[in-house]
Amino acid sequence: MKRIIYTIGIFLVVLCFNAASYGSISEHLLSNGMKVILIEDPNSPLATFQIWYKVGSKDEPAGKTGLSHLLEHMMFKGTERYGSKEFSNIIQRNGGSDNAFTTKDYTMYFQNLPSNKIGLSIELESDRMKNLLLDPKEVRAEREVVKEERRLRYEDDPQNMLYEDTVAAALKAHPYRTPIIGWMSDISSIEREDLYRHYKTYYCPQNAFIIVAGNIDKKEILHDIEARFGVLKNPTEKPQRTKTQEPVQRGERRVFLKKEAQLPYIIFAHPVPNFPHPDSFALEVLSNLLSSGKSARLYKNIVYEKKIALNVFASYSGFYQHPFLFFLGGTASAGKTALDVERAIIEEIDALKGEHIPEKELQKAKNQIEASFIFAQDSTHAKALYTGIFEILGDWRLKDSYLEGIRSVKVEDIKRVAKEYLRPDKRTVGVLIPIGREK
């Protein structure tokens, strides 16, 4: 009875979500071709302004990895009108918050403000789209900040370092193989001229879109955005995108990392398609079925019952512009080896390929994905964020097809994609070998 009530509850939430999601969304083009997406929510006390630039780590020239991420940092270092750090100070003085992040595909900047203050974002963001200073002294200082960030997140974290090495081995040609933060030597080589060229190429109306969400006056917002952004000119040429297709993998690859660590760790990476490929939905459900919570297969069998690992995981996201990777892995328990964890994970995958998957187990996984997807959008900011993610993938309206695709997954789809993509000759294995403290 509890499961029936839970399923009905999810169904009702989904119905409400679909009914309310798009009725208040509209899109508009400015005179220079820049797209603006407005999400009206009269019940929200706040508004969010987001500007999405279609440039990420995949767009960086060889030898300059980390360029997009460093430019994100420099966007807070001032224009002729607003000095270094003044942008964030203005937002905070007006009761708001701001931040930004860089991915493989895009860079996004946002401010959350009281609805009657959203005009500040329009003024500030339009200014730094055109008038970024990129002072050489600031560039050198921020370059050191990013290098320290890399040391803390990767150089001093064995598992993250192994992840980098494994991705770099799994992908031979596609620029997804490089880390978003960049390789240390590349970060050190980035100069003001590199950042300026990147900025002028990609930070322009034709390579960006705006999302404003909240208790807003659509007519007034559009007028203000047109006045500030519509007058900005595009470069004479559009950014040139490198189109690289990853060659087919024809055998297992292995990488080993010897690093100071307490326990062995292992990670698998399998090439897989991205959303909206038909198999992306079954791959997401497969990931959830294997690794969502303590009742999922990997944790229940490998951690709880066999005590081979302290933790295990399966991870898949199709929200990339290009095909990426399906990850599996875990940390060995005391007295166990990475090979023990590897064998246990492979045993579970092989079992799933061959045995019956109960319909109840499948439906639970699908319900969890839907619930997570819906509840992740419980704020104005998050609703705008997911709208932007799907716009990056092709069109914000694809959000509806995502849920439809998850609901349509069948048992045979799970077994088929597991056999097709989680094959020995299609995996790259990364192994962390703990060593003593380096002197």
Protein backbone atom coordinates (compact mmCIF):
# COMPACT_ATOMS: atom_id res chain seq x y z
CA MET A 1 0.00 0.00 0.00
CA LYS A 2 2.82 2.41 0.88
CA ARG A 3 4.46 1.88 -2.51
CA ILE A 4 1.13 2.52 -4.28
CA ILE A 5 0.63 5.76 -2.35
CA TYR A 6 4.21 6.82 -3.09
CA THR A 7 3.78 6.11 -6.82
CA ILE A 8 0.48 8.02 -6.95
CA GLY A 9 2.10 10.91 -5.12
CA ILE A 10 4.93 11.09 -7.62
CA PHE A 11 2.42 10.90 -10.47
CA LEU A 12 0.41 13.82 -9.08
CA VAL A 13 3.56 15.89 -8.56
CA VAL A 14 4.61 15.20 -12.15
CA LEU A 15 1.20 16.26 -13.44
CA CYS A 16 1.37 19.49 -11.47
CA PHE A 17 4.94 20.08 -12.61
CA ASN A 18 4.06 19.63 -16.27
CA ALA A 19 0.97 21.78 -15.95
CA ALA A 20 2.81 24.66 -14.31
CA SER A 21 6.27 24.42 -15.89
CA TYR A 22 5.81 26.04 -19.24
CA GLY A 23 2.68 28.15 -19.10
CA SER A 24 4.71 31.06 -17.72
CA ILE A 25 7.78 30.63 -19.93
CA SER A 26 8.29 32.73 -23.03
CA GLU A 27 11.23 33.39 -25.30
CA HIS A 28 12.18 36.50 -27.24
CA LEU A 29 14.90 37.66 -29.61
CA LEU A 30 16.64 40.99 -29.24
CA SER A 31 17.46 43.12 -32.25
CA ASN A 32 20.97 41.64 -32.38
CA GLY A 33 19.66 38.06 -32.28
CA MET A 34 20.33 37.34 -28.60
CA LYS A 35 17.73 35.06 -27.02
CA VAL A 36 15.94 35.99 -23.80
CA ILE A 37 13.87 33.45 -21.85
CA LEU A 38 11.44 34.79 -19.24
CA ILE A 39 9.86 32.68 -16.50
CA GLU A 40 7.07 34.55 -14.72
CA ASP A 41 6.40 33.42 -11.16
CA PRO A 42 4.17 35.91 -9.29
CA ASN A 43 4.50 33.91 -6.05
CA SER A 44 8.28 34.28 -5.84
CA PRO A 45 9.67 37.03 -3.56
CA LEU A 46 12.96 36.92 -5.47
CA ALA A 47 14.05 37.03 -9.06
CA THR A 48 17.06 35.41 -10.69
CA PHE A 49 19.06 36.75 -13.62
CA GLN A 50 21.23 34.25 -15.47
CA ILE A 51 23.45 34.81 -18.48
CA TRP A 52 24.72 31.70 -20.25
CA TYR A 53 27.76 31.85 -22.53
CA LYS A 54 28.12 28.92 -24.91
CA VAL A 55 31.78 28.37 -24.19
CA GLY A 56 33.48 25.91 -21.88
CA SER A 57 36.62 23.86 -21.56
CA LYS A 58 35.92 22.01 -24.82
CA ASP A 59 36.46 25.25 -26.75
CA GLU A 60 39.99 25.96 -25.51
CA PRO A 61 43.05 25.88 -27.79
CA ALA A 62 45.74 23.28 -27.21
CA GLY A 63 48.12 24.25 -24.45
CA LYS A 64 45.63 26.65 -22.83
CA THR A 65 43.39 24.35 -20.82
CA GLY A 66 41.66 26.19 -17.99
CA LEU A 67 41.24 29.35 -20.07
CA SER A 68 37.43 29.44 -19.75
CA HIS A 69 37.57 28.90 -16.01
CA LEU A 70 40.19 31.59 -15.47
CA LEU A 71 38.15 34.02 -17.58
CA GLU A 72 35.17 33.30 -15.32
CA HIS A 73 37.30 34.44 -12.38
CA MET A 74 38.40 37.55 -14.26
CA MET A 75 34.82 38.58 -14.97
CA PHE A 76 34.65 39.69 -11.33
CA LYS A 77 37.80 41.83 -11.61
CA GLY A 78 36.24 44.94 -12.98
CA THR A 79 35.43 47.18 -15.94
CA GLU A 80 36.18 50.84 -16.48
CA ARG A 81 32.92 51.72 -14.72
CA TYR A 82 32.98 49.17 -11.90
CA GLY A 83 36.24 48.28 -10.17
CA SER A 84 37.52 44.90 -9.02
CA LYS A 85 35.04 43.06 -6.76
CA GLU A 86 32.59 45.98 -7.00
CA PHE A 87 30.13 43.86 -8.98
CA SER A 88 29.52 41.45 -6.11
CA ASN A 89 29.55 44.21 -3.50
CA ILE A 90 26.73 46.05 -5.31
CA ILE A 91 24.65 42.89 -5.51
CA GLN A 92 25.18 42.11 -1.81
CA ARG A 93 24.36 45.68 -0.70
CA ASN A 94 21.02 45.31 -2.45
CA GLY A 95 20.12 42.09 -0.65
CA GLY A 96 21.25 39.68 -3.33
CA SER A 97 23.82 36.99 -4.01
CA ASP A 98 25.82 36.16 -7.11
CA ASN A 99 28.15 33.51 -8.45
CA ALA A 100 29.28 31.71 -11.61
CA PHE A 101 30.54 28.34 -12.79
CA THR A 102 32.26 26.84 -15.80
CA THR A 103 31.56 23.45 -17.37
CA LYS A 104 32.83 21.55 -20.37
CA ASP A 105 30.12 23.15 -22.54
CA TYR A 106 29.21 26.54 -21.09
CA THR A 107 29.90 29.27 -18.52
CA MET A 108 27.01 30.69 -16.49
CA TYR A 109 26.77 33.81 -14.31
CA PHE A 110 23.82 34.54 -12.03
CA GLN A 111 22.40 36.92 -9.46
CA ASN A 112 19.48 36.30 -7.11
CA LEU A 113 17.87 39.56 -6.04
CA PRO A 114 14.62 41.06 -4.75
CA SER A 115 12.36 41.35 -7.78
CA ASN A 116 12.44 45.15 -7.83
CA LYS A 117 16.26 45.13 -7.97
CA ILE A 118 16.73 42.89 -11.00
CA GLY A 119 17.57 45.92 -13.13
CA LEU A 120 20.97 45.94 -11.42
CA SER A 121 21.84 42.65 -13.07
CA ILE A 122 20.87 43.96 -16.48
CA GLU A 123 23.12 47.00 -16.03
CA LEU A 124 26.09 45.14 -14.55
CA GLU A 125 26.08 42.12 -16.85
CA SER A 126 25.70 44.16 -20.04
CA ASP A 127 28.65 46.27 -18.93
CA ARG A 128 30.99 43.36 -18.36
CA MET A 129 29.94 41.62 -21.58
CA LYS A 130 31.55 44.52 -23.42
CA ASN A 131 33.95 46.37 -21.13
CA LEU A 132 36.00 43.85 -19.15
CA LEU A 133 39.39 45.34 -18.23
CA LEU A 134 41.57 42.23 -17.81
CA ASP A 135 44.27 44.14 -16.00
CA PRO A 136 47.59 42.23 -16.39
CA LYS A 137 48.35 42.46 -12.65
CA GLU A 138 44.92 41.04 -11.83
CA VAL A 139 45.45 38.27 -14.38
CA ARG A 140 48.73 37.22 -12.77
CA ALA A 141 47.25 37.29 -9.28
CA GLU A 142 44.14 35.33 -10.23
CA ARG A 143 46.19 32.80 -12.15
CA GLU A 144 47.90 31.94 -8.85
CA VAL A 145 44.52 31.65 -7.14
CA VAL A 146 43.37 29.11 -9.73
CA LYS A 147 46.62 27.15 -9.43
CA GLU A 148 46.09 26.90 -5.68
CA GLU A 149 42.51 25.81 -6.31
CA ARG A 150 43.85 23.06 -8.56
CA ARG A 151 46.34 21.94 -5.91
CA LEU A 152 43.64 21.63 -3.27
CA ARG A 153 41.02 19.94 -5.47
CA TYR A 154 43.21 17.62 -7.54
CA GLU A 155 46.91 17.55 -6.75
CA ASP A 156 46.18 16.87 -3.06
CA ASP A 157 43.14 14.64 -3.65
CA PRO A 158 44.16 11.18 -4.94
CA GLN A 159 40.68 10.14 -6.04
CA ASN A 160 40.09 13.33 -8.04
CA MET A 161 43.53 13.01 -9.59
CA LEU A 162 42.74 9.43 -10.62
CA TYR A 163 39.45 10.62 -12.12
CA GLU A 164 41.38 13.13 -14.28
CA ASP A 165 43.87 10.50 -15.40
CA THR A 166 41.10 8.01 -16.21
CA VAL A 167 39.09 10.49 -18.29
CA ALA A 168 42.23 11.54 -20.15
CA ALA A 169 42.92 7.88 -20.98
CA ALA A 170 39.31 7.05 -21.88
CA LEU A 171 39.06 9.85 -24.46
CA LYS A 172 41.79 10.12 -27.07
CA ALA A 173 40.57 12.89 -29.35
CA HIS A 174 37.60 14.78 -27.92
CA PRO A 175 38.34 17.90 -25.83
CA TYR A 176 36.21 16.53 -22.98
CA ARG A 177 39.39 14.67 -22.06
CA THR A 178 40.91 17.80 -20.49
CA PRO A 179 39.94 19.06 -17.01
CA ILE A 180 37.77 22.15 -16.71
CA ILE A 181 40.21 23.76 -14.29
CA GLY A 182 43.09 23.03 -16.68
CA TRP A 183 46.44 21.32 -16.38
CA MET A 184 48.87 23.11 -14.06
CA SER A 185 51.44 23.99 -16.74
CA ASP A 186 48.70 25.33 -19.03
CA ILE A 187 47.27 27.56 -16.30
CA SER A 188 50.76 28.97 -15.72
CA SER A 189 51.07 29.83 -19.42
CA ILE A 190 47.83 31.83 -19.74
CA GLU A 191 48.48 35.53 -20.36
CA ARG A 192 46.25 38.56 -20.63
CA GLU A 193 46.24 38.32 -24.46
CA ASP A 194 44.93 34.72 -24.33
CA LEU A 195 42.06 35.76 -22.07
CA TYR A 196 41.25 38.83 -24.17
CA ARG A 197 41.09 36.76 -27.37
CA HIS A 198 38.82 34.19 -25.69
CA TYR A 199 36.62 36.96 -24.27
CA LYS A 200 36.21 38.77 -27.57
CA THR A 201 35.49 35.56 -29.45
CA TYR A 202 32.89 34.01 -27.19
CA TYR A 203 31.45 36.73 -24.90
CA CYS A 204 29.03 38.31 -27.35
CA PRO A 205 25.25 38.38 -27.91
CA GLN A 206 25.24 35.71 -30.63
CA ASN A 207 26.98 33.24 -28.29
CA ALA A 208 24.87 33.85 -25.19
CA PHE A 209 21.33 33.83 -23.87
CA ILE A 210 19.61 35.35 -20.84
CA ILE A 211 17.12 33.80 -18.45
CA VAL A 212 15.15 35.93 -16.00
CA ALA A 213 12.79 34.21 -13.58
CA GLY A 214 10.60 35.35 -10.72
CA ASN A 215 7.96 37.95 -9.93
CA ILE A 216 8.77 40.13 -12.92
CA ASP A 217 7.02 42.49 -15.29
CA LYS A 218 7.73 40.87 -18.65
CA LYS A 219 7.18 44.00 -20.72
CA GLU A 220 9.41 46.14 -18.50
CA ILE A 221 12.16 43.51 -18.29
CA LEU A 222 12.26 43.06 -22.06
CA HIS A 223 12.45 46.82 -22.57
CA ASP A 224 15.37 47.13 -20.16
CA ILE A 225 17.23 44.15 -21.61
CA GLU A 226 16.80 45.43 -25.14
CA ALA A 227 18.08 48.86 -24.10
CA ARG A 228 21.24 47.41 -22.49
CA PHE A 229 21.99 44.22 -24.44
CA GLY A 230 20.26 44.83 -27.77
CA VAL A 231 22.71 47.60 -28.65
CA LEU A 232 25.77 45.35 -28.18
CA LYS A 233 27.34 44.30 -31.47
CA ASN A 234 28.39 40.82 -32.56
CA PRO A 235 31.81 40.05 -34.03
CA THR A 236 31.89 39.90 -37.81
CA GLU A 237 32.55 36.15 -37.64
CA LYS A 238 30.88 33.50 -35.54
CA PRO A 239 33.06 31.41 -33.20
CA GLN A 240 34.60 28.45 -35.01
CA ARG A 241 33.81 25.19 -33.23
CA THR A 242 36.16 22.23 -33.53
CA LYS A 243 34.13 19.16 -34.42
CA THR A 244 35.95 16.11 -33.14
CA GLN A 245 34.45 12.63 -33.01
CA GLU A 246 35.97 10.22 -30.52
CA PRO A 247 37.29 7.08 -32.28
CA VAL A 248 35.78 3.73 -31.34
CA GLN A 249 37.52 2.07 -28.40
CA ARG A 250 38.71 -1.44 -29.30
CA GLY A 251 40.12 -2.76 -26.07
CA GLU A 252 40.41 -2.16 -22.35
CA ARG A 253 42.73 0.62 -21.18
CA ARG A 254 44.29 0.88 -17.71
CA VAL A 255 45.96 3.65 -15.78
CA PHE A 256 47.67 3.43 -12.39
CA LEU A 257 48.25 6.23 -9.94
CA LYS A 258 50.66 5.84 -7.04
CA LYS A 259 49.78 8.47 -4.47
CA GLU A 260 49.71 8.93 -0.73
CA ALA A 261 46.33 7.57 0.36
CA GLN A 262 44.79 5.42 3.06
CA LEU A 263 42.93 2.87 0.93
CA PRO A 264 42.92 1.54 -2.64
CA TYR A 265 40.36 3.03 -5.00
CA ILE A 266 39.17 2.06 -8.47
CA ILE A 267 37.15 3.74 -11.19
CA PHE A 268 35.77 2.45 -14.51
CA ALA A 269 34.80 4.69 -17.43
CA HIS A 270 32.69 3.46 -20.35
CA PRO A 271 31.91 5.62 -23.45
CA VAL A 272 28.16 6.27 -23.69
CA PRO A 273 25.78 8.52 -25.67
CA ASN A 274 24.37 11.78 -24.34
CA PHE A 275 20.81 13.13 -24.06
CA PRO A 276 18.56 13.04 -26.08
CA HIS A 277 19.89 9.79 -27.58
CA PRO A 278 17.23 7.09 -26.97
CA ASP A 279 19.66 5.02 -24.87
CA SER A 280 20.41 7.92 -22.51
CA PHE A 281 17.21 7.29 -20.54
CA ALA A 282 17.93 3.61 -19.94
CA LEU A 283 21.51 4.45 -18.95
CA GLU A 284 20.27 6.90 -16.34
CA VAL A 285 17.83 4.37 -14.92
CA LEU A 286 20.59 1.74 -14.93
CA SER A 287 22.84 4.07 -12.93
CA ASN A 288 20.09 4.69 -10.39
CA LEU A 289 19.21 1.00 -10.13
CA LEU A 290 22.85 0.15 -9.39
CA SER A 291 23.74 2.94 -7.03
CA SER A 292 20.90 5.02 -5.59
CA GLY A 293 20.86 4.54 -1.83
CA LYS A 294 21.71 1.69 0.49
CA SER A 295 19.09 -0.60 -1.01
CA ALA A 296 20.64 -0.37 -4.48
CA ARG A 297 22.51 -3.37 -5.86
CA LEU A 298 26.10 -2.21 -5.56
CA TYR A 299 25.86 -0.99 -1.97
CA LYS A 300 23.69 -3.83 -0.74
CA ASN A 301 25.87 -6.61 -2.16
CA ILE A 302 29.39 -5.19 -2.13
CA VAL A 303 29.37 -2.87 0.91
CA TYR A 304 26.73 -4.25 3.26
CA GLU A 305 26.77 -8.01 2.62
CA LYS A 306 30.28 -8.82 1.32
CA LYS A 307 32.07 -5.88 3.03
CA ILE A 308 34.53 -5.65 0.14
CA ALA A 309 34.22 -1.88 -0.19
CA LEU A 310 33.54 1.12 2.04
CA ASN A 311 31.61 2.78 -0.77
CA VAL A 312 30.67 2.05 -4.36
CA PHE A 313 29.00 4.10 -7.07
CA ALA A 314 27.58 4.18 -10.55
CA SER A 315 27.26 7.59 -12.18
CA TYR A 316 25.76 8.75 -15.46
CA SER A 317 24.66 12.14 -16.75
CA GLY A 318 23.55 12.66 -20.32
CA PHE A 319 23.42 16.43 -19.94
CA TYR A 320 26.41 17.13 -22.20
CA GLN A 321 26.49 18.44 -25.74
CA HIS A 322 28.58 15.44 -26.80
CA PRO A 323 28.82 11.78 -25.72
CA PHE A 324 30.74 11.31 -22.49
CA LEU A 325 31.24 8.49 -19.96
CA PHE A 326 29.42 6.14 -17.58
CA PHE A 327 31.40 5.74 -14.34
CA LEU A 328 31.61 2.91 -11.81
CA GLY A 329 33.95 2.52 -8.89
CA GLY A 330 34.56 2.37 -5.17
CA THR A 331 36.95 2.48 -2.23
CA ALA A 332 38.23 -0.83 -0.89
CA SER A 333 37.63 -1.83 2.72
CA ALA A 334 40.62 -2.31 5.03
CA GLY A 335 42.44 -5.49 4.03
CA LYS A 336 40.86 -5.55 0.55
CA THR A 337 42.42 -4.52 -2.74
CA ALA A 338 41.27 -2.49 -5.72
CA LEU A 339 41.19 -5.79 -7.64
CA ASP A 340 38.72 -7.19 -5.09
CA VAL A 341 36.41 -4.20 -5.66
CA GLU A 342 36.83 -4.49 -9.42
CA ARG A 343 35.84 -8.16 -9.43
CA ALA A 344 32.84 -7.49 -7.22
CA ILE A 345 31.53 -4.67 -9.44
CA ILE A 346 32.02 -6.72 -12.60
CA GLU A 347 30.18 -9.61 -10.97
CA GLU A 348 27.21 -7.35 -10.23
CA ILE A 349 27.14 -5.96 -13.77
CA ASP A 350 27.32 -9.44 -15.30
CA ALA A 351 24.53 -10.63 -13.01
CA LEU A 352 22.32 -7.72 -14.02
CA LYS A 353 22.90 -8.52 -17.70
CA GLY A 354 21.76 -12.10 -17.24
CA GLU A 355 19.18 -12.23 -14.48
CA HIS A 356 15.58 -11.06 -14.22
CA ILE A 357 15.08 -7.48 -13.04
CA PRO A 358 11.87 -7.23 -11.00
CA GLU A 359 9.43 -4.64 -12.32
CA LYS A 360 9.10 -3.27 -8.79
CA GLU A 361 12.83 -2.54 -8.66
CA LEU A 362 12.73 -0.82 -12.05
CA GLN A 363 9.73 1.33 -11.14
CA LYS A 364 11.37 2.40 -7.89
CA ALA A 365 14.45 3.59 -9.80
CA LYS A 366 12.31 5.53 -12.28
CA ASN A 367 10.27 7.10 -9.48
CA GLN A 368 13.43 8.22 -7.71
CA ILE A 369 14.78 9.89 -10.85
CA GLU A 370 11.50 11.71 -11.50
CA ALA A 371 11.19 12.84 -7.90
CA SER A 372 14.78 14.04 -7.80
CA PHE A 373 14.39 15.90 -11.10
CA ILE A 374 11.19 17.60 -10.00
CA PHE A 375 12.17 18.50 -6.47
CA ALA A 376 15.54 19.81 -7.69
CA GLN A 377 13.54 22.61 -9.32
CA ASP A 378 11.76 23.78 -6.20
CA SER A 379 13.16 27.32 -6.35
CA THR A 380 13.00 30.08 -8.93
CA HIS A 381 16.77 29.91 -9.39
CA ALA A 382 16.76 26.13 -9.89
CA LYS A 383 13.88 26.27 -12.36
CA ALA A 384 15.82 28.79 -14.43
CA LEU A 385 18.96 26.67 -14.09
CA TYR A 386 17.33 23.55 -15.54
CA THR A 387 15.72 25.60 -18.29
CA GLY A 388 19.17 26.84 -19.24
CA ILE A 389 20.71 23.38 -19.19
CA PHE A 390 18.18 22.10 -21.70
CA GLU A 391 18.57 25.24 -23.82
CA ILE A 392 22.30 24.47 -23.99
CA LEU A 393 21.41 20.95 -25.12
CA GLY A 394 19.27 22.29 -27.95
CA ASP A 395 16.00 23.71 -26.64
CA TRP A 396 14.54 24.32 -23.18
CA ARG A 397 11.40 22.45 -24.28
CA LEU A 398 13.41 19.21 -24.26
CA LYS A 399 12.76 19.15 -20.52
CA ASP A 400 9.39 17.48 -21.20
CA SER A 401 10.92 14.74 -23.34
CA TYR A 402 13.39 13.92 -20.58
CA LEU A 403 10.67 12.84 -18.17
CA GLU A 404 8.79 11.04 -20.92
CA GLY A 405 11.94 9.14 -21.83
CA ILE A 406 12.58 8.05 -18.24
CA ARG A 407 9.01 6.81 -17.86
CA SER A 408 9.26 4.76 -21.07
CA VAL A 409 12.28 2.67 -19.97
CA LYS A 410 11.59 -1.06 -19.81
CA VAL A 411 13.46 -3.98 -18.27
CA GLU A 412 14.73 -5.10 -21.65
CA ASP A 413 16.14 -1.60 -22.25
CA ILE A 414 18.20 -1.82 -19.05
CA LYS A 415 19.66 -5.19 -19.97
CA ARG A 416 20.32 -4.10 -23.54
CA VAL A 417 22.29 -0.95 -22.66
CA ALA A 418 24.23 -2.80 -19.96
CA LYS A 419 25.31 -5.38 -22.56
CA GLU A 420 25.99 -2.75 -25.22
CA TYR A 421 27.97 -0.18 -23.24
CA LEU A 422 29.33 -1.87 -20.10
CA ARG A 423 31.60 -4.25 -22.00
CA PRO A 424 35.17 -5.19 -21.01
CA ASP A 425 36.65 -3.98 -24.29
CA LYS A 426 34.89 -0.62 -23.91
CA ARG A 427 36.14 0.31 -20.45
CA THR A 428 39.03 2.30 -19.07
CA VAL A 429 40.09 1.31 -15.56
CA GLY A 430 41.88 3.64 -13.17
CA VAL A 431 43.57 2.15 -10.10
CA LEU A 432 44.82 4.12 -7.09
CA ILE A 433 47.78 2.42 -5.41
CA PRO A 434 48.36 3.88 -1.93
CA ILE A 435 51.94 4.64 -0.99
CA GLY A 436 53.60 6.10 2.07
CA ARG A 437 54.12 9.80 2.63
CA GLU A 438 56.52 11.28 0.11
CA LYS A 439 59.63 12.83 1.67
